Amino acid sequence: MQSTIVTETATAAADNEGVSINRDKSDRAARRDSNSSQATQRIVVQRSRWQRMARTILLGTTTALASVVWVAQQYGVAVTDSLAFLGSSLLFVVGLIGIALAIACLLWLLRKLLGRG
């Protein structure tokens, strides 16, 4: 008697909140199909995220280069010199990132060798 009341209460609460509860094997099959469609939807969303990310990177790079050219023209600096400074700055930043990555890998390797991982 008490388990019936608990089941009915849980079902009513789930219905009020829009949550479905597996009641039999056909519900499980339907849920399995919805899970596979959810996985497909996740893949589609992930692909669209990567496409938006690539588009954003491309647009940002194009805008940065156009800005450097525009600023060089506004201040009377040769565009080639400005692009050379931009390249030097890029190499400097990439070098710092590489050093930080190498140190992080070294620390990870030391942690693994010492058995703390």
Protein backbone atom coordinates (compact mmCIF):
# COMPACT_ATOMS: atom_id res chain seq x y z
CA MET A 1 0.00 0.00 0.00
CA GLN A 2 2.72 2.44 0.96
CA SER A 3 4.84 1.68 -2.14
CA THR A 4 1.81 2.37 -4.33
CA ILE A 5 1.34 5.77 -2.68
CA VAL A 6 5.02 6.55 -3.12
CA THR A 7 4.90 5.51 -6.78
CA GLU A 8 1.78 7.58 -7.44
CA THR A 9 3.27 10.60 -5.67
CA ALA A 10 6.54 10.33 -7.63
CA THR A 11 4.63 9.92 -10.91
CA ALA A 12 2.42 12.94 -10.16
CA ALA A 13 5.43 15.06 -9.23
CA ALA A 14 7.26 13.99 -12.38
CA ASP A 15 4.22 14.78 -14.52
CA ASN A 16 3.92 18.23 -12.93
CA GLU A 17 7.59 18.96 -13.66
CA GLY A 18 7.47 17.53 -17.18
CA VAL A 19 9.78 14.62 -16.38
CA SER A 20 9.09 11.22 -17.85
CA ILE A 21 9.58 8.07 -15.80
CA ASN A 22 10.38 4.67 -17.34
CA ARG A 23 7.39 2.50 -16.66
CA ASP A 24 7.98 -0.48 -18.93
CA LYS A 25 10.22 -1.87 -21.67
CA SER A 26 8.59 0.15 -24.45
CA ASP A 27 9.45 3.34 -22.58
CA ARG A 28 13.03 2.11 -22.30
CA ALA A 29 13.19 1.51 -26.06
CA ALA A 30 11.79 4.97 -26.72
CA ARG A 31 14.28 6.45 -24.31
CA ARG A 32 17.14 4.59 -26.02
CA ASP A 33 16.03 6.05 -29.36
CA SER A 34 15.83 9.54 -27.86
CA ASN A 35 19.30 9.10 -26.35
CA SER A 36 20.73 8.22 -29.75
CA SER A 37 19.02 11.22 -31.29
CA GLN A 38 20.37 13.35 -28.44
CA ALA A 39 23.86 12.06 -29.21
CA THR A 40 23.36 12.98 -32.85
CA GLN A 41 22.16 16.42 -31.82
CA ARG A 42 25.21 16.86 -29.59
CA ILE A 43 27.50 15.99 -32.51
CA VAL A 44 25.71 18.47 -34.76
CA VAL A 45 25.93 21.19 -32.10
CA GLN A 46 29.62 20.45 -31.55
CA ARG A 47 30.32 20.70 -35.28
CA SER A 48 28.48 24.00 -35.49
CA ARG A 49 30.49 25.27 -32.52
CA TRP A 50 33.75 24.39 -34.29
CA GLN A 51 32.54 26.07 -37.47
CA ARG A 52 31.62 29.22 -35.54
CA MET A 53 34.98 29.12 -33.75
CA ALA A 54 36.87 28.83 -37.06
CA ARG A 55 34.82 31.66 -38.54
CA THR A 56 35.47 33.83 -35.48
CA ILE A 57 39.22 33.15 -35.63
CA LEU A 58 39.31 33.94 -39.34
CA LEU A 59 37.33 37.17 -38.92
CA GLY A 60 39.40 38.23 -35.91
CA THR A 61 42.68 37.63 -37.72
CA THR A 62 41.47 39.52 -40.78
CA THR A 63 40.31 42.43 -38.62
CA ALA A 64 43.61 42.55 -36.71
CA LEU A 65 45.64 42.62 -39.91
CA ALA A 66 43.41 45.31 -41.41
CA SER A 67 43.74 47.32 -38.20
CA VAL A 68 47.53 47.11 -38.29
CA VAL A 69 47.57 48.25 -41.91
CA TRP A 70 45.14 51.10 -41.15
CA VAL A 71 47.10 52.28 -38.08
CA ALA A 72 50.35 52.14 -40.08
CA GLN A 73 48.83 54.31 -42.79
CA GLN A 74 47.37 56.76 -40.27
CA TYR A 75 50.70 57.33 -38.52
CA GLY A 76 52.85 57.27 -41.64
CA VAL A 77 54.68 54.06 -40.79
CA ALA A 78 55.53 51.59 -43.53
CA VAL A 79 53.05 48.72 -43.61
CA THR A 80 55.86 46.18 -43.95
CA ASP A 81 57.47 47.52 -40.76
CA SER A 82 54.17 47.29 -38.88
CA LEU A 83 53.59 43.73 -40.08
CA ALA A 84 57.17 42.86 -39.09
CA PHE A 85 56.52 44.21 -35.59
CA LEU A 86 53.28 42.22 -35.48
CA GLY A 87 55.17 39.07 -36.52
CA SER A 88 57.81 39.66 -33.86
CA SER A 89 55.15 40.13 -31.22
CA LEU A 90 53.42 36.96 -32.35
CA LEU A 91 56.65 34.97 -32.14
CA PHE A 92 57.34 36.37 -28.68
CA VAL A 93 53.88 35.37 -27.41
CA VAL A 94 54.10 31.91 -29.01
CA GLY A 95 57.54 31.49 -27.40
CA LEU A 96 56.16 32.35 -23.96
CA ILE A 97 53.29 29.90 -24.46
CA GLY A 98 55.78 27.22 -25.53
CA ILE A 99 57.94 27.80 -22.44
CA ALA A 100 54.88 27.60 -20.16
CA LEU A 101 53.74 24.41 -21.90
CA ALA A 102 57.19 22.84 -21.56
CA ILE A 103 57.30 23.66 -17.84
CA ALA A 104 53.80 22.25 -17.34
CA CYS A 105 54.78 19.02 -19.13
CA LEU A 106 57.96 18.78 -17.07
CA LEU A 107 56.01 19.19 -13.83
CA TRP A 108 53.47 16.58 -14.98
CA LEU A 109 56.28 14.16 -15.84
CA LEU A 110 57.98 14.69 -12.48
CA ARG A 111 54.69 14.10 -10.70
CA LYS A 112 54.20 10.83 -12.61
CA LEU A 113 57.77 9.68 -11.92
CA LEU A 114 57.48 10.40 -8.21
CA GLY A 115 54.25 8.40 -8.04
CA ARG A 116 51.89 11.17 -6.98
CA GLY A 117 49.74 10.96 -10.09
